[in-house]
Protein backbone atom coordinates (compact mmCIF):
# COMPACT_ATOMS: atom_id res chain seq x y z
CA UNK A 1 -42.84 23.35 -253.41
CA UNK A 2 -43.19 20.18 -252.01
CA UNK A 3 -45.47 19.13 -249.32
CA UNK A 4 -43.43 18.37 -246.30
CA UNK A 5 -44.26 16.95 -242.97
CA UNK A 6 -43.55 19.17 -240.13
CA UNK A 7 -42.36 17.50 -236.97
CA UNK A 8 -42.98 18.98 -233.60
CA UNK A 9 -40.47 18.49 -230.86
CA UNK A 10 -42.56 20.13 -228.13
CA UNK A 11 -44.93 17.31 -227.28
CA UNK A 12 -47.85 19.69 -226.82
CA UNK A 13 -50.27 17.60 -228.74
CA UNK A 14 -49.95 14.45 -226.67
CA UNK A 15 -52.51 13.14 -224.22
CA UNK A 16 -51.95 13.80 -220.52
CA UNK A 17 -52.20 11.07 -217.94
CA UNK A 18 -54.77 11.59 -215.29
CA UNK A 19 -54.02 10.70 -211.69
CA UNK A 20 -57.58 11.10 -210.47
CA UNK A 21 -58.25 7.42 -211.03
CA UNK A 22 -55.73 6.49 -208.32
CA UNK A 23 -57.13 9.08 -205.88
CA UNK A 24 -60.59 7.56 -205.80
CA UNK A 25 -59.35 4.23 -204.44
CA UNK A 26 -59.69 3.80 -200.66
CA UNK A 27 -56.54 4.15 -198.60
CA UNK A 28 -55.64 0.74 -197.22
CA UNK A 29 -53.00 1.84 -194.69
CA UNK A 30 -53.69 3.35 -191.29
CA UNK A 31 -51.17 5.71 -189.76
CA UNK A 32 -50.78 4.53 -186.14
CA UNK A 33 -48.13 7.05 -185.13
CA UNK A 34 -50.60 9.65 -183.76
CA UNK A 35 -52.43 6.91 -181.87
CA UNK A 36 -49.21 5.70 -180.26
CA UNK A 37 -48.26 9.28 -179.37
CA UNK A 38 -51.58 9.89 -177.63
CA UNK A 39 -51.38 6.61 -175.74
CA UNK A 40 -47.85 7.40 -174.49
CA UNK A 41 -48.93 10.84 -173.29
CA UNK A 42 -51.92 9.34 -171.44
CA UNK A 43 -49.67 6.68 -169.89
CA UNK A 44 -47.31 9.36 -168.58
CA UNK A 45 -50.21 11.41 -167.19
CA UNK A 46 -51.63 8.43 -165.29
CA UNK A 47 -48.20 7.38 -164.01
CA UNK A 48 -47.69 10.86 -162.56
CA UNK A 49 -51.26 11.23 -161.23
CA UNK A 50 -51.62 7.80 -159.57
CA UNK A 51 -49.33 8.49 -156.58
CA UNK A 52 -51.11 11.80 -155.98
CA UNK A 53 -54.41 10.01 -155.40
CA UNK A 54 -53.15 8.44 -152.16
CA UNK A 55 -52.14 11.67 -150.44
CA UNK A 56 -52.96 11.82 -146.75
CA UNK A 57 -51.84 13.10 -143.41
CA UNK A 58 -48.66 11.30 -142.30
CA UNK A 59 -49.54 9.31 -139.18
CA UNK A 60 -47.46 6.48 -137.70
CA UNK A 61 -50.24 4.17 -136.48
CA UNK A 62 -49.70 1.37 -133.95
CA UNK A 63 -49.93 -2.21 -135.17
CA UNK A 64 -52.61 -4.61 -133.90
CA UNK A 65 -53.88 -8.06 -134.76
CA UNK A 66 -57.33 -6.73 -135.73
CA UNK A 67 -58.62 -7.44 -139.21
CA UNK A 68 -59.61 -4.70 -141.66
CA UNK A 69 -63.15 -3.32 -141.59
CA UNK A 70 -65.33 -3.87 -144.66
CA UNK A 71 -65.16 -0.95 -147.07
CA UNK A 72 -68.11 1.21 -148.06
CA UNK A 73 -68.82 2.80 -151.42
CA UNK A 74 -68.35 6.24 -149.90
CA UNK A 75 -64.91 7.51 -148.89
CA UNK A 76 -64.67 7.14 -145.11
CA UNK A 77 -64.68 10.26 -142.95
CA UNK A 78 -61.33 10.27 -141.17
CA UNK A 79 -60.20 12.24 -138.13
CA UNK A 80 -56.43 12.10 -137.60
CA UNK A 81 -54.43 12.92 -134.48
CA UNK A 82 -50.89 13.73 -135.57
CA UNK A 83 -47.72 13.09 -133.57
CA UNK A 84 -47.76 16.64 -132.17
CA UNK A 85 -51.41 16.23 -131.03
CA UNK A 86 -52.95 18.44 -133.72
CA UNK A 87 -56.14 17.32 -135.46
CA UNK A 88 -57.07 16.91 -139.12
CA UNK A 89 -60.30 15.99 -140.90
CA UNK A 90 -59.33 14.05 -144.04
CA UNK A 91 -56.24 16.11 -145.06
CA UNK A 92 -57.38 19.48 -143.64
CA UNK A 93 -55.80 20.69 -140.39
CA UNK A 94 -58.34 21.85 -137.83
CA UNK A 95 -58.34 23.26 -134.30
CA UNK A 96 -59.86 21.41 -131.36
CA UNK A 97 -62.69 23.96 -131.06
CA UNK A 98 -63.76 23.58 -134.71
CA UNK A 99 -63.74 19.77 -134.76
CA UNK A 100 -67.34 19.07 -133.76
CA UNK A 101 -68.87 21.91 -135.81
CA UNK A 102 -67.10 20.82 -139.00
CA UNK A 103 -67.82 17.13 -138.46
CA UNK A 104 -71.50 17.86 -137.90
CA UNK A 105 -71.67 19.87 -141.14
CA UNK A 106 -69.83 17.19 -143.11
CA UNK A 107 -71.82 14.30 -141.63
CA UNK A 108 -75.12 15.99 -142.55
CA UNK A 109 -74.26 15.56 -146.25
CA UNK A 110 -73.09 11.94 -145.99
CA UNK A 111 -74.95 8.63 -146.08
CA UNK A 112 -72.67 6.84 -143.63
CA UNK A 113 -72.30 7.96 -140.00
CA UNK A 114 -69.03 6.05 -139.52
CA UNK A 115 -65.94 8.01 -138.49
CA UNK A 116 -62.47 6.52 -138.57
CA UNK A 117 -60.08 7.81 -135.91
CA UNK A 118 -56.39 7.59 -136.80
CA UNK A 119 -53.90 8.43 -134.06
CA UNK A 120 -50.13 8.55 -134.29
CA UNK A 121 -48.43 6.09 -131.94
CA UNK A 122 -46.48 8.96 -130.36
CA UNK A 123 -49.70 10.28 -128.74
CA UNK A 124 -50.63 9.25 -125.25
CA UNK A 125 -53.91 7.48 -124.58
CA UNK A 126 -55.29 10.55 -122.79
CA UNK A 127 -55.30 12.60 -126.03
CA UNK A 128 -56.95 9.79 -128.02
CA UNK A 129 -59.58 9.20 -125.32
CA UNK A 130 -60.33 12.94 -125.12
CA UNK A 131 -61.00 13.15 -128.87
CA UNK A 132 -63.11 9.96 -128.79
CA UNK A 133 -65.11 11.32 -125.85
CA UNK A 134 -65.74 14.61 -127.67
CA UNK A 135 -66.93 12.73 -130.76
CA UNK A 136 -69.22 10.51 -128.69
CA UNK A 137 -70.64 13.48 -126.74
CA UNK A 138 -71.46 15.19 -130.07
CA UNK A 139 -73.56 12.20 -131.15
CA UNK A 140 -71.02 10.30 -133.26
CA UNK A 141 -71.27 6.77 -131.89
CA UNK A 142 -70.00 4.79 -134.88
CA UNK A 143 -66.27 5.38 -134.39
CA UNK A 144 -63.61 2.98 -135.65
CA UNK A 145 -59.98 3.08 -134.53
CA UNK A 146 -57.59 2.66 -137.46
CA UNK A 147 -54.40 0.67 -136.91
CA UNK A 148 -51.82 -1.10 -139.04
CA UNK A 149 -52.09 -4.87 -139.31
CA UNK A 150 -49.36 -7.29 -138.32
CA UNK A 151 -49.04 -6.46 -134.63
CA UNK A 152 -48.71 -8.86 -131.74
CA UNK A 153 -51.47 -11.30 -130.85
CA UNK A 154 -52.36 -12.30 -127.32
CA UNK A 155 -53.23 -15.82 -126.36
CA UNK A 156 -55.47 -16.94 -123.52
CA UNK A 157 -52.60 -18.17 -121.35
CA UNK A 158 -50.88 -16.06 -118.68
CA UNK A 159 -47.34 -15.51 -119.48
């Protein structure tokens, strides 16, 4: 009997390659897709929310040549007289009888005593003067009338 060499066709005795050497290297690529997705979502949120920040009571104010008052750090306390004569503090509708009580409570928590009075141009002067008189009688003396800019100017000549 002769000594023969037996050949294996299975390949079971070979050495396996290890991939762990490639896994220990730092990843040099950054996946920016999630970052872009988050930024687009935030952009959409701010685009939708920005117009909602300027919500107010719709008042058609008369135009004058007066310049704008300097702004404070605190949001101004605004009393609005709508076209139908109803009152609002900021955006909250209020009755005539509750005006002074609510303003007094709100003003006690504020630093500034300034009140801005906005009146629709459809109101007569009697209604505006009545509200201003009530504010002044309650101790609010720093009242500013709010108007739109760009109105007519008057010169010193008669004409």
